[in-house]
Structures are given as structure tokens and as C-alpha cells.
PDB file of N, CA and C in Angstrom:
ATOM      1  N   MET A   1       4.608  59.915  20.695  1.00  0.00           N
ATOM      2  CA  MET A   1       4.555  59.543  22.093  1.00  0.00           C
ATOM      3  C   MET A   1       4.085  58.062  22.051  1.00  0.00           C
ATOM      4  N   LYS A   2       4.986  57.268  22.428  1.00  0.00           N
ATOM      5  CA  LYS A   2       4.798  55.836  22.268  1.00  0.00           C
ATOM      6  C   LYS A   2       4.718  54.988  23.771  1.00  0.00           C
ATOM      7  N   SER A   3       5.336  55.705  24.735  1.00  0.00           N
ATOM      8  CA  SER A   3       5.216  55.043  26.101  1.00  0.00           C
ATOM      9  C   SER A   3       4.472  55.837  26.964  1.00  0.00           C
ATOM     10  N   LEU A   4       4.086  55.042  27.968  1.00  0.00           N
ATOM     11  CA  LEU A   4       3.291  55.600  29.031  1.00  0.00           C
ATOM     12  C   LEU A   4       4.022  56.653  29.718  1.00  0.00           C
ATOM     13  N   THR A   5       5.223  56.559  29.894  1.00  0.00           N
ATOM     14  CA  THR A   5       5.895  57.605  30.783  1.00  0.00           C
ATOM     15  C   THR A   5       6.084  58.813  30.343  1.00  0.00           C
ATOM     16  N   SER A   6       6.144  58.755  28.810  1.00  0.00           N
ATOM     17  CA  SER A   6       6.076  60.244  27.954  1.00  0.00           C
ATOM     18  C   SER A   6       4.724  60.887  28.260  1.00  0.00           C
ATOM     19  N   TRP A   7       3.752  60.227  28.212  1.00  0.00           N
ATOM     20  CA  TRP A   7       2.446  60.846  28.325  1.00  0.00           C
ATOM     21  C   TRP A   7       2.204  61.124  29.819  1.00  0.00           C
ATOM     22  N   LEU A   8       2.621  60.601  30.583  1.00  0.00           N
ATOM     23  CA  LEU A   8       2.702  60.995  32.176  1.00  0.00           C
ATOM     24  C   LEU A   8       3.496  62.269  32.413  1.00  0.00           C
ATOM     25  N   LEU A   9       4.590  62.213  31.625  1.00  0.00           N
ATOM     26  CA  LEU A   9       5.288  63.318  32.016  1.00  0.00           C
ATOM     27  C   LEU A   9       4.882  64.732  31.383  1.00  0.00           C
ATOM     28  N   VAL A  10       4.228  64.625  30.010  1.00  0.00           N
ATOM     29  CA  VAL A  10       3.486  65.532  29.619  1.00  0.00           C
ATOM     30  C   VAL A  10       2.251  66.169  30.459  1.00  0.00           C
ATOM     31  N   ILE A  11       1.633  65.377  31.101  1.00  0.00           N
ATOM     32  CA  ILE A  11       0.522  65.526  31.748  1.00  0.00           C
ATOM     33  C   ILE A  11       0.777  66.031  32.914  1.00  0.00           C
ATOM     34  N   PHE A  12       1.869  65.650  33.696  1.00  0.00           N
ATOM     35  CA  PHE A  12       2.501  66.410  34.979  1.00  0.00           C
ATOM     36  C   PHE A  12       3.017  67.648  34.742  1.00  0.00           C
ATOM     37  N   MET A  13       3.385  67.828  33.393  1.00  0.00           N
ATOM     38  CA  MET A  13       3.973  69.282  33.038  1.00  0.00           C
ATOM     39  C   MET A  13       2.962  70.226  32.948  1.00  0.00           C
ATOM     40  N   ALA A  14       1.809  69.688  32.305  1.00  0.00           N
ATOM     41  CA  ALA A  14       0.671  70.406  32.029  1.00  0.00           C
ATOM     42  C   ALA A  14      -0.281  70.877  33.446  1.00  0.00           C
ATOM     43  N   PHE A  15      -0.304  69.879  34.182  1.00  0.00           N
ATOM     44  CA  PHE A  15      -0.905  70.336  35.610  1.00  0.00           C
ATOM     45  C   PHE A  15       0.110  71.242  36.363  1.00  0.00           C
ATOM     46  N   PHE A  16       1.386  71.189  36.150  1.00  0.00           N
ATOM     47  CA  PHE A  16       2.263  72.083  36.667  1.00  0.00           C
ATOM     48  C   PHE A  16       1.986  73.469  36.256  1.00  0.00           C
ATOM     49  N   TRP A  17       1.856  73.623  34.839  1.00  0.00           N
ATOM     50  CA  TRP A  17       1.341  74.879  34.429  1.00  0.00           C
ATOM     51  C   TRP A  17       0.334  75.441  34.721  1.00  0.00           C
ATOM     52  N   LEU A  18      -0.615  74.714  34.754  1.00  0.00           N
ATOM     53  CA  LEU A  18      -1.974  75.167  35.230  1.00  0.00           C
ATOM     54  C   LEU A  18      -1.967  75.620  36.892  1.00  0.00           C
ATOM     55  N   PHE A  19      -1.338  74.919  37.584  1.00  0.00           N
ATOM     56  CA  PHE A  19      -1.002  75.298  38.878  1.00  0.00           C
ATOM     57  C   PHE A  19      -0.290  76.597  39.024  1.00  0.00           C
ATOM     58  N   ARG A  20       0.614  76.836  38.291  1.00  0.00           N
ATOM     59  CA  ARG A  20       1.488  78.075  38.151  1.00  0.00           C
ATOM     60  C   ARG A  20       0.660  79.196  37.760  1.00  0.00           C
ATOM     61  N   VAL A  21      -0.368  78.991  36.768  1.00  0.00           N
ATOM     62  CA  VAL A  21      -1.290  80.041  36.383  1.00  0.00           C
ATOM     63  C   VAL A  21      -2.209  80.430  37.378  1.00  0.00           C
ATOM     64  N   ILE A  22      -2.864  79.326  38.032  1.00  0.00           N
ATOM     65  CA  ILE A  22      -3.794  79.794  39.194  1.00  0.00           C
ATOM     66  C   ILE A  22      -3.140  80.444  40.371  1.00  0.00           C
ATOM     67  N   VAL A  23      -1.688  80.158  40.679  1.00  0.00           N
ATOM     68  CA  VAL A  23      -0.804  80.878  41.654  1.00  0.00           C
ATOM     69  C   VAL A  23      -0.644  82.307  41.237  1.00  0.00           C
ATOM     70  N   ALA A  24      -0.305  82.626  39.994  1.00  0.00           N
ATOM     71  CA  ALA A  24      -0.084  83.897  39.469  1.00  0.00           C
ATOM     72  C   ALA A  24      -1.298  84.705  39.576  1.00  0.00           C
ATOM     73  N   PHE A  25      -2.569  84.061  39.098  1.00  0.00           N
ATOM     74  CA  PHE A  25      -4.078  84.868  39.199  1.00  0.00           C
ATOM     75  C   PHE A  25      -4.039  85.190  40.911  1.00  0.00           C
ATOM     76  N   GLN A  26      -3.803  84.188  41.772  1.00  0.00           N
ATOM     77  CA  GLN A  26      -4.093  84.585  43.062  1.00  0.00           C
ATOM     78  C   GLN A  26      -3.222  85.460  43.664  1.00  0.00           C
ATOM     79  N   ALA A  27      -2.023  85.669  43.056  1.00  0.00           N
ATOM     80  CA  ALA A  27      -0.896  86.720  43.402  1.00  0.00           C
ATOM     81  C   ALA A  27      -1.527  88.089  43.033  1.00  0.00           C
ATOM     82  N   GLN A  28      -1.787  88.096  41.836  1.00  0.00           N
ATOM     83  CA  GLN A  28      -2.585  89.286  41.336  1.00  0.00           C
ATOM     84  C   GLN A  28      -3.660  89.963  42.141  1.00  0.00           C
ATOM     85  N   TYR A  29      -4.295  88.821  42.869  1.00  0.00           N
ATOM     86  CA  TYR A  29      -5.345  89.393  43.710  1.00  0.00           C
ATOM     87  C   TYR A  29      -5.050  89.362  44.993  1.00  0.00           C
ATOM     88  N   GLU A  30      -3.952  89.363  45.368  1.00  0.00           N
ATOM     89  CA  GLU A  30      -3.236  89.297  46.695  1.00  0.00           C
ATOM     90  C   GLU A  30      -3.943  88.334  47.666  1.00  0.00           C
ATOM     91  N   LYS A  31      -4.046  87.136  47.255  1.00  0.00           N
ATOM     92  CA  LYS A  31      -4.692  85.883  48.066  1.00  0.00           C
ATOM     93  C   LYS A  31      -3.620  84.851  48.001  1.00  0.00           C
ATOM     94  N   ASN A  32      -3.638  83.807  48.851  1.00  0.00           N
ATOM     95  CA  ASN A  32      -2.961  82.830  48.731  1.00  0.00           C
ATOM     96  C   ASN A  32      -3.743  81.552  48.166  1.00  0.00           C
ATOM     97  N   PHE A  33      -2.991  80.597  47.645  1.00  0.00           N
ATOM     98  CA  PHE A  33      -3.827  79.461  47.019  1.00  0.00           C
ATOM     99  C   PHE A  33      -3.377  78.377  47.825  1.00  0.00           C
ATOM    100  N   GLY A  34      -4.178  77.973  48.833  1.00  0.00           N
ATOM    101  CA  GLY A  34      -3.811  76.776  49.557  1.00  0.00           C
ATOM    102  C   GLY A  34      -2.399  76.716  50.496  1.00  0.00           C
ATOM    103  N   GLY A  35      -2.088  77.899  50.673  1.00  0.00           N
ATOM    104  CA  GLY A  35      -0.921  78.217  51.284  1.00  0.00           C
ATOM    105  C   GLY A  35       0.466  78.307  50.549  1.00  0.00           C
ATOM    106  N   PHE A  36       0.225  78.545  49.235  1.00  0.00           N
ATOM    107  CA  PHE A  36       1.091  78.770  48.137  1.00  0.00           C
ATOM    108  C   PHE A  36       1.042  80.213  48.038  1.00  0.00           C
ATOM    109  N   ILE A  37       2.467  81.036  48.314  1.00  0.00           N
ATOM    110  CA  ILE A  37       2.296  82.310  48.091  1.00  0.00           C
ATOM    111  C   ILE A  37       3.271  82.829  46.938  1.00  0.00           C
ATOM    112  N   ALA A  38       2.889  83.513  46.078  1.00  0.00           N
ATOM    113  CA  ALA A  38       3.888  84.070  45.308  1.00  0.00           C
ATOM    114  C   ALA A  38       4.494  85.217  45.736  1.00  0.00           C
ATOM    115  N   PHE A  39       5.803  84.998  45.589  1.00  0.00           N
ATOM    116  CA  PHE A  39       6.621  86.010  46.414  1.00  0.00           C
ATOM    117  C   PHE A  39       6.547  87.259  45.387  1.00  0.00           C
ATOM    118  N   ASN A  40       6.859  86.896  44.070  1.00  0.00           N
ATOM    119  CA  ASN A  40       7.044  87.945  43.047  1.00  0.00           C
ATOM    120  C   ASN A  40       6.239  87.781  41.734  1.00  0.00           C
ATOM    121  N   TYR A  41       5.584  88.501  41.633  1.00  0.00           N
ATOM    122  CA  TYR A  41       4.475  88.312  40.246  1.00  0.00           C
ATOM    123  C   TYR A  41       5.282  87.979  38.944  1.00  0.00           C
ATOM    124  N   THR A  42       6.413  88.914  38.692  1.00  0.00           N
ATOM    125  CA  THR A  42       7.281  88.826  37.611  1.00  0.00           C
ATOM    126  C   THR A  42       7.640  87.529  37.565  1.00  0.00           C
ATOM    127  N   VAL A  43       8.447  86.942  38.622  1.00  0.00           N
ATOM    128  CA  VAL A  43       8.721  85.699  38.477  1.00  0.00           C
ATOM    129  C   VAL A  43       7.949  84.497  38.124  1.00  0.00           C
ATOM    130  N   GLU A  44       6.624  84.727  38.715  1.00  0.00           N
ATOM    131  CA  GLU A  44       5.400  83.734  38.223  1.00  0.00           C
ATOM    132  C   GLU A  44       5.401  83.881  36.801  1.00  0.00           C
ATOM    133  N   ILE A  45       5.073  84.884  35.946  1.00  0.00           N
ATOM    134  CA  ILE A  45       5.018  85.099  34.753  1.00  0.00           C
ATOM    135  C   ILE A  45       6.455  84.384  34.098  1.00  0.00           C
ATOM    136  N   ILE A  46       7.472  84.791  34.398  1.00  0.00           N
ATOM    137  CA  ILE A  46       8.724  83.938  33.828  1.00  0.00           C
ATOM    138  C   ILE A  46       8.694  82.565  33.870  1.00  0.00           C
ATOM    139  N   LEU A  47       8.065  82.081  35.062  1.00  0.00           N
ATOM    140  CA  LEU A  47       8.070  80.571  35.096  1.00  0.00           C
ATOM    141  C   LEU A  47       6.757  79.988  34.443  1.00  0.00           C
ATOM    142  N   LEU A  48       5.839  80.626  34.214  1.00  0.00           N
ATOM    143  CA  LEU A  48       4.823  80.186  33.179  1.00  0.00           C
ATOM    144  C   LEU A  48       5.625  80.092  31.743  1.00  0.00           C
ATOM    145  N   PHE A  49       6.206  81.161  31.354  1.00  0.00           N
ATOM    146  CA  PHE A  49       6.740  81.091  29.997  1.00  0.00           C
ATOM    147  C   PHE A  49       7.841  80.010  29.871  1.00  0.00           C
ATOM    148  N   VAL A  50       8.684  79.831  30.739  1.00  0.00           N
ATOM    149  CA  VAL A  50       9.628  78.800  31.004  1.00  0.00           C
ATOM    150  C   VAL A  50       8.957  77.364  31.013  1.00  0.00           C
ATOM    151  N   ALA A  51       7.871  77.226  31.714  1.00  0.00           N
ATOM    152  CA  ALA A  51       7.252  75.799  31.689  1.00  0.00           C
ATOM    153  C   ALA A  51       6.509  75.639  30.455  1.00  0.00           C
ATOM    154  N   ILE A  52       5.886  76.528  29.654  1.00  0.00           N
ATOM    155  CA  ILE A  52       5.137  76.162  28.486  1.00  0.00           C
ATOM    156  C   ILE A  52       6.333  75.894  27.393  1.00  0.00           C
ATOM    157  N   LEU A  53       7.431  76.662  27.498  1.00  0.00           N
ATOM    158  CA  LEU A  53       8.450  76.367  26.708  1.00  0.00           C
ATOM    159  C   LEU A  53       9.046  74.670  26.674  1.00  0.00           C
ATOM    160  N   CYS A  54       9.210  74.559  28.028  1.00  0.00           N
ATOM    161  CA  CYS A  54       9.682  73.166  28.189  1.00  0.00           C
ATOM    162  C   CYS A  54       8.610  72.078  27.822  1.00  0.00           C
ATOM    163  N   ILE A  55       7.301  72.431  28.027  1.00  0.00           N
ATOM    164  CA  ILE A  55       6.176  71.397  27.328  1.00  0.00           C
ATOM    165  C   ILE A  55       6.404  71.283  25.935  1.00  0.00           C
ATOM    166  N   ILE A  56       6.552  72.659  25.142  1.00  0.00           N
ATOM    167  CA  ILE A  56       6.538  72.470  23.619  1.00  0.00           C
ATOM    168  C   ILE A  56       7.825  71.645  23.365  1.00  0.00           C
ATOM    169  N   LEU A  57       9.126  71.875  23.989  1.00  0.00           N
ATOM    170  CA  LEU A  57      10.243  71.065  23.495  1.00  0.00           C
ATOM    171  C   LEU A  57      10.094  69.828  23.870  1.00  0.00           C
ATOM    172  N   VAL A  58       9.296  69.263  24.974  1.00  0.00           N
ATOM    173  CA  VAL A  58       9.472  67.994  25.261  1.00  0.00           C
ATOM    174  C   VAL A  58       8.350  67.183  24.248  1.00  0.00           C
ATOM    175  N   LEU A  59       7.284  67.881  23.937  1.00  0.00           N
ATOM    176  CA  LEU A  59       6.220  67.316  22.903  1.00  0.00           C
ATOM    177  C   LEU A  59       6.980  67.090  21.388  1.00  0.00           C
ATOM    178  N   ARG A  60       7.803  68.262  21.120  1.00  0.00           N
ATOM    179  CA  ARG A  60       8.522  68.272  19.736  1.00  0.00           C
ATOM    180  C   ARG A  60       9.331  67.117  20.089  1.00  0.00           C
ATOM    181  N   ARG A  61      10.228  66.934  20.901  1.00  0.00           N
ATOM    182  CA  ARG A  61      11.331  65.749  20.972  1.00  0.00           C
ATOM    183  C   ARG A  61      10.460  64.407  20.914  1.00  0.00           C
ATOM    184  N   MET A  62       9.266  64.206  21.297  1.00  0.00           N
ATOM    185  CA  MET A  62       8.487  62.910  21.451  1.00  0.00           C
ATOM    186  C   MET A  62       7.880  62.688  19.976  1.00  0.00           C
ATOM    187  N   LEU A  63       7.511  63.870  19.384  1.00  0.00           N
ATOM    188  CA  LEU A  63       6.740  63.523  18.307  1.00  0.00           C
ATOM    189  C   LEU A  63       7.673  63.439  17.061  1.00  0.00           C
ATOM    190  N   LEU A  64       8.760  64.069  17.191  1.00  0.00           N
ATOM    191  CA  LEU A  64       9.566  64.080  15.957  1.00  0.00           C
ATOM    192  C   LEU A  64      10.814  63.187  15.954  1.00  0.00           C
ATOM    193  N   ARG A  65      11.016  62.323  16.934  1.00  0.00           N
ATOM    194  CA  ARG A  65      11.899  61.437  17.098  1.00  0.00           C
ATOM    195  C   ARG A  65      11.723  60.211  16.167  1.00  0.00           C
ATOM    196  N   GLY A  66      12.939  59.957  15.464  1.00  0.00           N
ATOM    197  CA  GLY A  66      12.785  58.796  14.360  1.00  0.00           C
ATOM    198  C   GLY A  66      12.695  59.542  13.139  1.00  0.00           C
ATOM    199  N   ASN A  67      12.402  60.941  13.298  1.00  0.00           N
ATOM    200  CA  ASN A  67      12.402  61.509  11.792  1.00  0.00           C
ATOM    201  C   ASN A  67      13.843  62.086  11.375  1.00  0.00           C
ATOM    202  N   ASN A  68      14.418  61.591  10.402  1.00  0.00           N
ATOM    203  CA  ASN A  68      15.845  61.710   9.976  1.00  0.00           C
ATOM    204  C   ASN A  68      16.113  63.305   9.640  1.00  0.00           C
ATOM    205  N   ILE A  69      15.109  63.803   9.031  1.00  0.00           N
ATOM    206  CA  ILE A  69      15.114  65.185   8.715  1.00  0.00           C
ATOM    207  C   ILE A  69      15.340  66.309   9.886  1.00  0.00           C
ATOM    208  N   SER A  70      14.213  65.882  10.735  1.00  0.00           N
ATOM    209  CA  SER A  70      14.497  66.650  11.894  1.00  0.00           C
ATOM    210  C   SER A  70      15.769  66.542  12.755  1.00  0.00           C
ATOM    211  N   ASN A  71      16.162  65.369  12.800  1.00  0.00           N
ATOM    212  CA  ASN A  71      17.235  64.899  13.389  1.00  0.00           C
ATOM    213  C   ASN A  71      18.653  65.791  12.959  1.00  0.00           C
ATOM    214  N   CYS A  72      18.614  65.760  11.436  1.00  0.00           N
ATOM    215  CA  CYS A  72      19.848  66.237  10.736  1.00  0.00           C
ATOM    216  C   CYS A  72      19.571  67.901  11.133  1.00  0.00           C
ATOM    217  N   LEU A  73      18.316  68.405  10.996  1.00  0.00           N
ATOM    218  CA  LEU A  73      18.150  69.898  11.233  1.00  0.00           C
ATOM    219  C   LEU A  73      18.619  70.015  12.707  1.00  0.00           C
ATOM    220  N   TRP A  74      18.494  69.371  13.615  1.00  0.00           N
ATOM    221  CA  TRP A  74      18.849  69.525  15.009  1.00  0.00           C
ATOM    222  C   TRP A  74      20.397  69.510  15.035  1.00  0.00           C
ATOM    223  N   ILE A  75      20.937  68.655  14.582  1.00  0.00           N
ATOM    224  CA  ILE A  75      22.433  68.574  14.794  1.00  0.00           C
ATOM    225  C   ILE A  75      22.986  69.912  13.854  1.00  0.00           C
ATOM    226  N   LEU A  76      22.457  70.074  12.794  1.00  0.00           N
ATOM    227  CA  LEU A  76      22.999  71.315  12.087  1.00  0.00           C
ATOM    228  C   LEU A  76      22.993  72.738  12.800  1.00  0.00           C
ATOM    229  N   PHE A  77      21.740  72.894  13.315  1.00  0.00           N
ATOM    230  CA  PHE A  77      21.612  73.909  14.080  1.00  0.00           C
ATOM    231  C   PHE A  77      22.424  73.755  15.521  1.00  0.00           C
ATOM    232  N   TRP A  78      22.375  72.857  15.954  1.00  0.00           N
ATOM    233  CA  TRP A  78      23.510  72.918  17.132  1.00  0.00           C
ATOM    234  C   TRP A  78      24.987  72.976  16.866  1.00  0.00           C
ATOM    235  N   ARG A  79      25.447  72.669  15.769  1.00  0.00           N
ATOM    236  CA  ARG A  79      26.582  72.871  14.981  1.00  0.00           C
ATOM    237  C   ARG A  79      26.930  74.479  14.868  1.00  0.00           C
ATOM    238  N   ILE A  80      25.808  75.041  14.348  1.00  0.00           N
ATOM    239  CA  ILE A  80      25.872  76.421  14.128  1.00  0.00           C
ATOM    240  C   ILE A  80      25.833  77.165  15.409  1.00  0.00           C
ATOM    241  N   TYR A  81      25.212  76.792  16.645  1.00  0.00           N
ATOM    242  CA  TYR A  81      24.909  77.413  17.796  1.00  0.00           C
ATOM    243  C   TYR A  81      26.452  77.240  18.393  1.00  0.00           C
ATOM    244  N   CYS A  82      27.276  76.159  18.454  1.00  0.00           N
ATOM    245  CA  CYS A  82      28.277  75.794  19.048  1.00  0.00           C
ATOM    246  C   CYS A  82      29.677  76.756  18.371  1.00  0.00           C
ATOM    247  N   ILE A  83      29.367  77.145  17.100  1.00  0.00           N
ATOM    248  CA  ILE A  83      30.366  77.742  16.538  1.00  0.00           C
ATOM    249  C   ILE A  83      30.643  79.006  17.204  1.00  0.00           C
TER     250      ILE A  83
END
């Protein structure tokens, strides 16, 4: 993580994840959080897992960029996936 924008992106993603956690808890207790209403509790849980997966993937990309072994593995797995 060498640039300020990368750090800001990860911080924004973490705040979004925390916001989704708060909304999910509020939906469980049937309250609204500042006007934000969760329409479906299952969708909130799915969004939490998708958001944490995106955070992990962005951090992995930023931390492993420039590492030739990880780039080669990524290309190899992409080729296997495309077959």
C-alpha cells in the first residue's frame, strides 16, 4: 500500500462494512438506524460477506503487487479457470 488513495479506499470499505453490520443488527432488533431500513435480513448478511471478501481481495492486490510469484500464480489460476 504505497499511495494515499489505496489507504483511503480500504478505510472507506471498512467503514461501509461497519455500517452494514450496524444496519444488520438494527434489522435483527426491528429498529431503523438513522432512517436506514434493512428490507431483508438475509440480504444484509450476504452483503456483509461480499464486502469483507472485497476488502480482502483489495488488500491482497495492494500488498502483493510487484511480487512475481504471486503474479504468476494469479495468471496460472486465471488460465485454469478460463479452460
